[in-house]
C-alpha atoms as a PDB file:
ATOM      1  CA  UNK A   1      -6.725  46.416  29.525  1.00  0.00           C
ATOM      2  CA  UNK A   2      -7.945  44.980  26.836  1.00  0.00           C
ATOM      3  CA  UNK A   3     -10.310  47.293  24.945  1.00  0.00           C
ATOM      4  CA  UNK A   4     -14.210  47.140  25.431  1.00  0.00           C
ATOM      5  CA  UNK A   5     -14.995  45.219  22.241  1.00  0.00           C
ATOM      6  CA  UNK A   6     -12.370  42.766  22.749  1.00  0.00           C
ATOM      7  CA  UNK A   7     -13.574  41.981  26.137  1.00  0.00           C
ATOM      8  CA  UNK A   8     -16.995  41.667  24.421  1.00  0.00           C
ATOM      9  CA  UNK A   9     -15.815  38.891  21.815  1.00  0.00           C
ATOM     10  CA  UNK A  10     -14.044  37.317  25.201  1.00  0.00           C
ATOM     11  CA  UNK A  11     -17.618  37.001  26.745  1.00  0.00           C
ATOM     12  CA  UNK A  12     -18.736  35.230  23.974  1.00  0.00           C
ATOM     13  CA  UNK A  13     -15.677  32.989  23.422  1.00  0.00           C
ATOM     14  CA  UNK A  14     -16.040  32.242  27.144  1.00  0.00           C
ATOM     15  CA  UNK A  15     -19.517  31.062  26.882  1.00  0.00           C
ATOM     16  CA  UNK A  16     -18.342  28.808  24.414  1.00  0.00           C
ATOM     17  CA  UNK A  17     -15.608  27.331  26.137  1.00  0.00           C
ATOM     18  CA  UNK A  18     -12.700  28.606  25.207  1.00  0.00           C
ATOM     19  CA  UNK A  19     -10.187  27.817  27.945  1.00  0.00           C
ATOM     20  CA  UNK A  20      -8.112  31.155  28.141  1.00  0.00           C
ATOM     21  CA  UNK A  21     -11.089  33.697  27.889  1.00  0.00           C
ATOM     22  CA  UNK A  22     -12.349  33.827  31.341  1.00  0.00           C
ATOM     23  CA  UNK A  23      -8.600  34.504  32.480  1.00  0.00           C
ATOM     24  CA  UNK A  24      -8.053  36.925  30.463  1.00  0.00           C
ATOM     25  CA  UNK A  25     -11.121  38.733  31.515  1.00  0.00           C
ATOM     26  CA  UNK A  26     -10.454  38.469  34.631  1.00  0.00           C
ATOM     27  CA  UNK A  27      -7.122  39.652  34.509  1.00  0.00           C
ATOM     28  CA  UNK A  28      -8.627  43.083  32.792  1.00  0.00           C
ATOM     29  CA  UNK A  29     -10.832  43.363  35.859  1.00  0.00           C
ATOM     30  CA  UNK A  30      -7.814  42.595  38.430  1.00  0.00           C
ATOM     31  CA  UNK A  31      -6.702  45.961  39.470  1.00  0.00           C
ATOM     32  CA  UNK A  32     -10.153  47.395  39.710  1.00  0.00           C
ATOM     33  CA  UNK A  33     -11.122  44.207  42.261  1.00  0.00           C
ATOM     34  CA  UNK A  34      -7.775  44.535  44.284  1.00  0.00           C
ATOM     35  CA  UNK A  35      -8.675  48.913  44.549  1.00  0.00           C
ATOM     36  CA  UNK A  36     -12.383  47.667  45.698  1.00  0.00           C
ATOM     37  CA  UNK A  37     -10.685  44.550  47.884  1.00  0.00           C
ATOM     38  CA  UNK A  38      -8.282  46.810  49.865  1.00  0.00           C
ATOM     39  CA  UNK A  39     -11.035  49.703  50.092  1.00  0.00           C
ATOM     40  CA  UNK A  40     -13.641  47.204  51.293  1.00  0.00           C
ATOM     41  CA  UNK A  41     -11.604  45.066  53.801  1.00  0.00           C
ATOM     42  CA  UNK A  42     -12.171  45.949  57.315  1.00  0.00           C
ATOM     43  CA  UNK A  43      -8.687  47.017  59.210  1.00  0.00           C
ATOM     44  CA  UNK A  44      -9.079  44.442  61.788  1.00  0.00           C
ATOM     45  CA  UNK A  45      -9.158  41.725  59.349  1.00  0.00           C
ATOM     46  CA  UNK A  46      -5.866  42.751  57.158  1.00  0.00           C
ATOM     47  CA  UNK A  47      -3.498  41.110  58.953  1.00  0.00           C
ATOM     48  CA  UNK A  48      -5.210  37.967  58.582  1.00  0.00           C
ATOM     49  CA  UNK A  49      -6.364  38.329  55.138  1.00  0.00           C
ATOM     50  CA  UNK A  50      -4.806  40.095  52.178  1.00  0.00           C
ATOM     51  CA  UNK A  51      -7.117  41.719  49.481  1.00  0.00           C
ATOM     52  CA  UNK A  52      -5.396  39.505  46.895  1.00  0.00           C
ATOM     53  CA  UNK A  53      -6.907  36.219  48.493  1.00  0.00           C
ATOM     54  CA  UNK A  54     -10.410  37.961  48.392  1.00  0.00           C
ATOM     55  CA  UNK A  55      -9.756  39.134  44.513  1.00  0.00           C
ATOM     56  CA  UNK A  56      -8.328  35.456  43.857  1.00  0.00           C
ATOM     57  CA  UNK A  57     -11.286  33.686  45.522  1.00  0.00           C
ATOM     58  CA  UNK A  58     -13.539  35.992  43.357  1.00  0.00           C
ATOM     59  CA  UNK A  59     -11.678  34.387  40.428  1.00  0.00           C
ATOM     60  CA  UNK A  60     -12.680  31.219  41.496  1.00  0.00           C
ATOM     61  CA  UNK A  61     -16.142  32.230  41.726  1.00  0.00           C
ATOM     62  CA  UNK A  62     -15.969  33.579  38.362  1.00  0.00           C
ATOM     63  CA  UNK A  63     -14.720  30.252  37.007  1.00  0.00           C
ATOM     64  CA  UNK A  64     -17.386  28.182  38.988  1.00  0.00           C
ATOM     65  CA  UNK A  65     -20.479  30.530  38.032  1.00  0.00           C
ATOM     66  CA  UNK A  66     -19.991  32.596  34.657  1.00  0.00           C
ATOM     67  CA  UNK A  67     -22.567  30.159  33.031  1.00  0.00           C
ATOM     68  CA  UNK A  68     -25.050  32.129  35.289  1.00  0.00           C
ATOM     69  CA  UNK A  69     -23.465  35.568  34.327  1.00  0.00           C
ATOM     70  CA  UNK A  70     -26.300  36.962  31.860  1.00  0.00           C
ATOM     71  CA  UNK A  71     -24.740  40.066  30.862  1.00  0.00           C
ATOM     72  CA  UNK A  72     -23.134  40.678  27.519  1.00  0.00           C
ATOM     73  CA  UNK A  73     -21.052  43.853  28.022  1.00  0.00           C
ATOM     74  CA  UNK A  74     -17.864  44.035  30.051  1.00  0.00           C
ATOM     75  CA  UNK A  75     -19.494  46.963  32.446  1.00  0.00           C
ATOM     76  CA  UNK A  76     -22.256  44.050  33.213  1.00  0.00           C
ATOM     77  CA  UNK A  77     -19.556  41.567  33.645  1.00  0.00           C
ATOM     78  CA  UNK A  78     -17.178  43.729  36.007  1.00  0.00           C
ATOM     79  CA  UNK A  79     -20.201  45.008  38.037  1.00  0.00           C
ATOM     80  CA  UNK A  80     -21.022  41.153  38.443  1.00  0.00           C
ATOM     81  CA  UNK A  81     -17.422  40.686  39.544  1.00  0.00           C
ATOM     82  CA  UNK A  82     -17.698  43.702  42.018  1.00  0.00           C
ATOM     83  CA  UNK A  83     -20.791  42.056  43.492  1.00  0.00           C
ATOM     84  CA  UNK A  84     -18.833  38.859  44.092  1.00  0.00           C
ATOM     85  CA  UNK A  85     -16.164  40.402  45.709  1.00  0.00           C
ATOM     86  CA  UNK A  86     -18.009  42.255  48.107  1.00  0.00           C
ATOM     87  CA  UNK A  87     -20.160  38.933  48.969  1.00  0.00           C
ATOM     88  CA  UNK A  88     -16.644  37.456  49.600  1.00  0.00           C
ATOM     89  CA  UNK A  89     -15.715  40.452  52.038  1.00  0.00           C
ATOM     90  CA  UNK A  90     -18.923  39.528  53.795  1.00  0.00           C
ATOM     91  CA  UNK A  91     -18.183  36.144  54.134  1.00  0.00           C
ATOM     92  CA  UNK A  92     -14.778  36.696  55.482  1.00  0.00           C
ATOM     93  CA  UNK A  93     -16.011  39.057  58.207  1.00  0.00           C
ATOM     94  CA  UNK A  94     -18.621  36.126  59.272  1.00  0.00           C
ATOM     95  CA  UNK A  95     -15.920  33.593  59.155  1.00  0.00           C
ATOM     96  CA  UNK A  96     -13.494  35.920  61.036  1.00  0.00           C
ATOM     97  CA  UNK A  97     -16.344  36.674  63.708  1.00  0.00           C
ATOM     98  CA  UNK A  98     -17.063  33.026  64.381  1.00  0.00           C
ATOM     99  CA  UNK A  99     -13.284  31.642  64.351  1.00  0.00           C
ATOM    100  CA  UNK A 100     -13.022  34.361  67.298  1.00  0.00           C
ATOM    101  CA  UNK A 101     -16.084  32.982  69.008  1.00  0.00           C
ATOM    102  CA  UNK A 102     -14.752  29.286  68.702  1.00  0.00           C
ATOM    103  CA  UNK A 103     -11.168  30.045  69.998  1.00  0.00           C
ATOM    104  CA  UNK A 104      -9.991  27.474  68.291  1.00  0.00           C
ATOM    105  CA  UNK A 105      -6.561  27.688  69.707  1.00  0.00           C
ATOM    106  CA  UNK A 106      -5.056  28.443  66.234  1.00  0.00           C
ATOM    107  CA  UNK A 107      -5.127  31.296  63.537  1.00  0.00           C
ATOM    108  CA  UNK A 108      -7.792  30.397  61.299  1.00  0.00           C
ATOM    109  CA  UNK A 109      -7.245  31.027  57.152  1.00  0.00           C
ATOM    110  CA  UNK A 110     -10.145  33.467  56.421  1.00  0.00           C
ATOM    111  CA  UNK A 111      -8.349  33.195  52.687  1.00  0.00           C
ATOM    112  CA  UNK A 112     -10.439  29.699  52.404  1.00  0.00           C
ATOM    113  CA  UNK A 113     -13.712  31.094  54.068  1.00  0.00           C
ATOM    114  CA  UNK A 114     -12.414  29.730  57.666  1.00  0.00           C
ATOM    115  CA  UNK A 115     -12.675  26.146  56.450  1.00  0.00           C
ATOM    116  CA  UNK A 116     -10.238  23.061  55.721  1.00  0.00           C
ATOM    117  CA  UNK A 117     -12.989  20.446  54.633  1.00  0.00           C
ATOM    118  CA  UNK A 118     -12.188  17.865  52.426  1.00  0.00           C
ATOM    119  CA  UNK A 119     -11.849  18.970  48.942  1.00  0.00           C
ATOM    120  CA  UNK A 120     -14.405  16.454  47.407  1.00  0.00           C
ATOM    121  CA  UNK A 121     -16.995  18.191  49.837  1.00  0.00           C
ATOM    122  CA  UNK A 122     -16.071  21.359  48.721  1.00  0.00           C
ATOM    123  CA  UNK A 123     -16.520  20.588  45.166  1.00  0.00           C
ATOM    124  CA  UNK A 124     -19.623  18.951  45.368  1.00  0.00           C
ATOM    125  CA  UNK A 125     -23.031  20.859  45.237  1.00  0.00           C
ATOM    126  CA  UNK A 126     -25.130  21.439  48.314  1.00  0.00           C
ATOM    127  CA  UNK A 127     -28.176  20.573  45.859  1.00  0.00           C
ATOM    128  CA  UNK A 128     -27.096  16.648  46.151  1.00  0.00           C
ATOM    129  CA  UNK A 129     -27.720  14.821  49.625  1.00  0.00           C
ATOM    130  CA  UNK A 130     -24.305  13.704  50.834  1.00  0.00           C
ATOM    131  CA  UNK A 131     -25.242  10.169  51.120  1.00  0.00           C
ATOM    132  CA  UNK A 132     -26.961   9.756  47.768  1.00  0.00           C
ATOM    133  CA  UNK A 133     -25.538   7.719  44.957  1.00  0.00           C
ATOM    134  CA  UNK A 134     -25.124  10.393  42.845  1.00  0.00           C
ATOM    135  CA  UNK A 135     -22.976  12.471  44.951  1.00  0.00           C
ATOM    136  CA  UNK A 136     -20.903   9.564  46.035  1.00  0.00           C
ATOM    137  CA  UNK A 137     -20.569   8.793  41.933  1.00  0.00           C
ATOM    138  CA  UNK A 138     -19.776  12.650  41.412  1.00  0.00           C
ATOM    139  CA  UNK A 139     -16.749  12.204  44.272  1.00  0.00           C
ATOM    140  CA  UNK A 140     -15.204   9.043  42.678  1.00  0.00           C
ATOM    141  CA  UNK A 141     -15.389  11.312  38.923  1.00  0.00           C
ATOM    142  CA  UNK A 142     -13.958  14.284  40.993  1.00  0.00           C
ATOM    143  CA  UNK A 143     -10.931  12.440  42.520  1.00  0.00           C
ATOM    144  CA  UNK A 144     -10.065  10.746  39.578  1.00  0.00           C
ATOM    145  CA  UNK A 145     -10.240  14.372  37.607  1.00  0.00           C
ATOM    146  CA  UNK A 146      -7.734  15.490  40.448  1.00  0.00           C
ATOM    147  CA  UNK A 147      -5.149  12.611  40.022  1.00  0.00           C
ATOM    148  CA  UNK A 148      -4.991  13.542  36.212  1.00  0.00           C
ATOM    149  CA  UNK A 149      -3.709  16.878  37.121  1.00  0.00           C
ATOM    150  CA  UNK A 150       0.036  17.805  37.208  1.00  0.00           C
ATOM    151  CA  UNK A 151       1.409  16.894  40.712  1.00  0.00           C
ATOM    152  CA  UNK A 152       2.110  21.050  41.602  1.00  0.00           C
ATOM    153  CA  UNK A 153      -1.549  21.604  40.700  1.00  0.00           C
ATOM    154  CA  UNK A 154      -2.801  18.701  42.935  1.00  0.00           C
ATOM    155  CA  UNK A 155      -0.387  19.904  45.832  1.00  0.00           C
ATOM    156  CA  UNK A 156      -2.001  23.131  45.457  1.00  0.00           C
ATOM    157  CA  UNK A 157      -5.483  22.060  45.671  1.00  0.00           C
ATOM    158  CA  UNK A 158      -4.676  20.153  48.924  1.00  0.00           C
ATOM    159  CA  UNK A 159      -3.009  22.924  50.672  1.00  0.00           C
ATOM    160  CA  UNK A 160      -5.616  25.330  49.651  1.00  0.00           C
ATOM    161  CA  UNK A 161      -8.527  23.029  50.211  1.00  0.00           C
ATOM    162  CA  UNK A 162      -7.509  20.596  52.745  1.00  0.00           C
ATOM    163  CA  UNK A 163      -5.468  22.607  54.975  1.00  0.00           C
ATOM    164  CA  UNK A 164      -6.711  25.686  54.221  1.00  0.00           C
ATOM    165  CA  UNK A 165      -3.509  27.628  53.725  1.00  0.00           C
ATOM    166  CA  UNK A 166      -3.275  31.089  52.964  1.00  0.00           C
ATOM    167  CA  UNK A 167      -1.280  31.968  49.660  1.00  0.00           C
ATOM    168  CA  UNK A 168       1.594  33.346  51.570  1.00  0.00           C
ATOM    169  CA  UNK A 169       1.852  29.985  53.628  1.00  0.00           C
ATOM    170  CA  UNK A 170       1.279  27.854  50.146  1.00  0.00           C
ATOM    171  CA  UNK A 171       4.161  29.736  48.775  1.00  0.00           C
ATOM    172  CA  UNK A 172       6.598  28.196  51.401  1.00  0.00           C
ATOM    173  CA  UNK A 173       5.037  24.653  50.842  1.00  0.00           C
ATOM    174  CA  UNK A 174       5.605  24.940  47.089  1.00  0.00           C
ATOM    175  CA  UNK A 175       8.767  27.122  47.059  1.00  0.00           C
ATOM    176  CA  UNK A 176       7.192  29.853  44.968  1.00  0.00           C
ATOM    177  CA  UNK A 177       6.284  33.425  45.644  1.00  0.00           C
ATOM    178  CA  UNK A 178       2.895  34.082  46.835  1.00  0.00           C
ATOM    179  CA  UNK A 179       1.853  35.367  43.494  1.00  0.00           C
ATOM    180  CA  UNK A 180       3.307  32.429  41.883  1.00  0.00           C
ATOM    181  CA  UNK A 181       1.403  30.403  44.253  1.00  0.00           C
ATOM    182  CA  UNK A 182      -1.424  31.970  43.619  1.00  0.00           C
ATOM    183  CA  UNK A 183      -1.802  31.800  39.777  1.00  0.00           C
ATOM    184  CA  UNK A 184      -0.548  27.856  40.063  1.00  0.00           C
ATOM    185  CA  UNK A 185      -3.865  27.576  42.106  1.00  0.00           C
ATOM    186  CA  UNK A 186      -5.717  29.574  39.845  1.00  0.00           C
ATOM    187  CA  UNK A 187      -4.588  27.521  36.810  1.00  0.00           C
ATOM    188  CA  UNK A 188      -5.272  24.442  38.845  1.00  0.00           C
ATOM    189  CA  UNK A 189      -8.915  25.479  39.539  1.00  0.00           C
ATOM    190  CA  UNK A 190      -9.341  25.967  35.729  1.00  0.00           C
ATOM    191  CA  UNK A 191      -7.615  22.687  34.720  1.00  0.00           C
ATOM    192  CA  UNK A 192      -9.927  20.793  37.050  1.00  0.00           C
ATOM    193  CA  UNK A 193     -12.999  22.488  35.407  1.00  0.00           C
ATOM    194  CA  UNK A 194     -11.784  21.525  32.198  1.00  0.00           C
ATOM    195  CA  UNK A 195     -11.170  17.676  33.522  1.00  0.00           C
ATOM    196  CA  UNK A 196     -14.968  17.759  35.048  1.00  0.00           C
ATOM    197  CA  UNK A 197     -16.410  18.892  31.878  1.00  0.00           C
ATOM    198  CA  UNK A 198     -14.562  16.432  29.990  1.00  0.00           C
ATOM    199  CA  UNK A 199     -16.083  13.601  32.590  1.00  0.00           C
ATOM    200  CA  UNK A 200     -19.275  15.105  32.099  1.00  0.00           C
ATOM    201  CA  UNK A 201     -19.614  16.897  35.237  1.00  0.00           C
ATOM    202  CA  UNK A 202     -21.436  20.648  34.229  1.00  0.00           C
ATOM    203  CA  UNK A 203     -19.919  23.845  35.910  1.00  0.00           C
ATOM    204  CA  UNK A 204     -23.138  24.265  37.764  1.00  0.00           C
ATOM    205  CA  UNK A 205     -22.942  20.669  39.814  1.00  0.00           C
ATOM    206  CA  UNK A 206     -19.358  21.379  41.240  1.00  0.00           C
ATOM    207  CA  UNK A 207     -17.915  24.395  43.315  1.00  0.00           C
ATOM    208  CA  UNK A 208     -14.624  24.866  43.344  1.00  0.00           C
ATOM    209  CA  UNK A 209     -13.949  27.193  46.319  1.00  0.00           C
END
C-alpha cells in the first residue's frame, strides 16, 4: 500500500486530472473494500453477485463522483469509498428483491444493479430531461466518444451496460479471465471519462455506472 503522504499527494494529483492517480488510490483501498464487501454482502446474494463486482462498481462510482469528494486525507478518502460500497450493497439487495418480484424468467445480473438499459441512458445525468435538445446533444457526444475507444474497451462497455453481464460472463465473451475482464472494463470507464472531458462534458454531467 502506498504511504499516507504519497496517497495525500495522489489525492491532489487526482483533483488536477492526472489520469493514473485515481487508479493508484483505489488500488491502495482495494483489499479493505474487498473485506468489507465480503462482510456486508448477504448470503442469499453471494451466488448471484460477487464481492469483487461490488468493489469494481465502487471503482466506477469513484471515477464518476471524485469531484464531489471534499476530503484531503487518505483516511477521509477511504471512509468515502466505504460509504459508497455500503450504498452499492443496499442497491444490490433492493435490485435482487425487485427481480424476485418481477420473475422475468432469467437470472438478473445484479453487478449492473439489475438493469441492461442502453449505455447512453446510463451515461446521461437525470438532471436533464430525456427529450431535451441538451440531452440529445450529450448523447451524440457520448456515442462519438465511445467510438473513439479501442475495440476491446467498446466491447467491454457494451457487454456490461447493454447486456448487464457479470464479469464472469464478460470473461467468456472477451476470452479473458474474470479479473482481466474487470480491469479492461475499469480502464474503459477511465478512458471514456478522459474522452468526455476532452469533448467538453464535465464529470458531473455523466454517470458511468
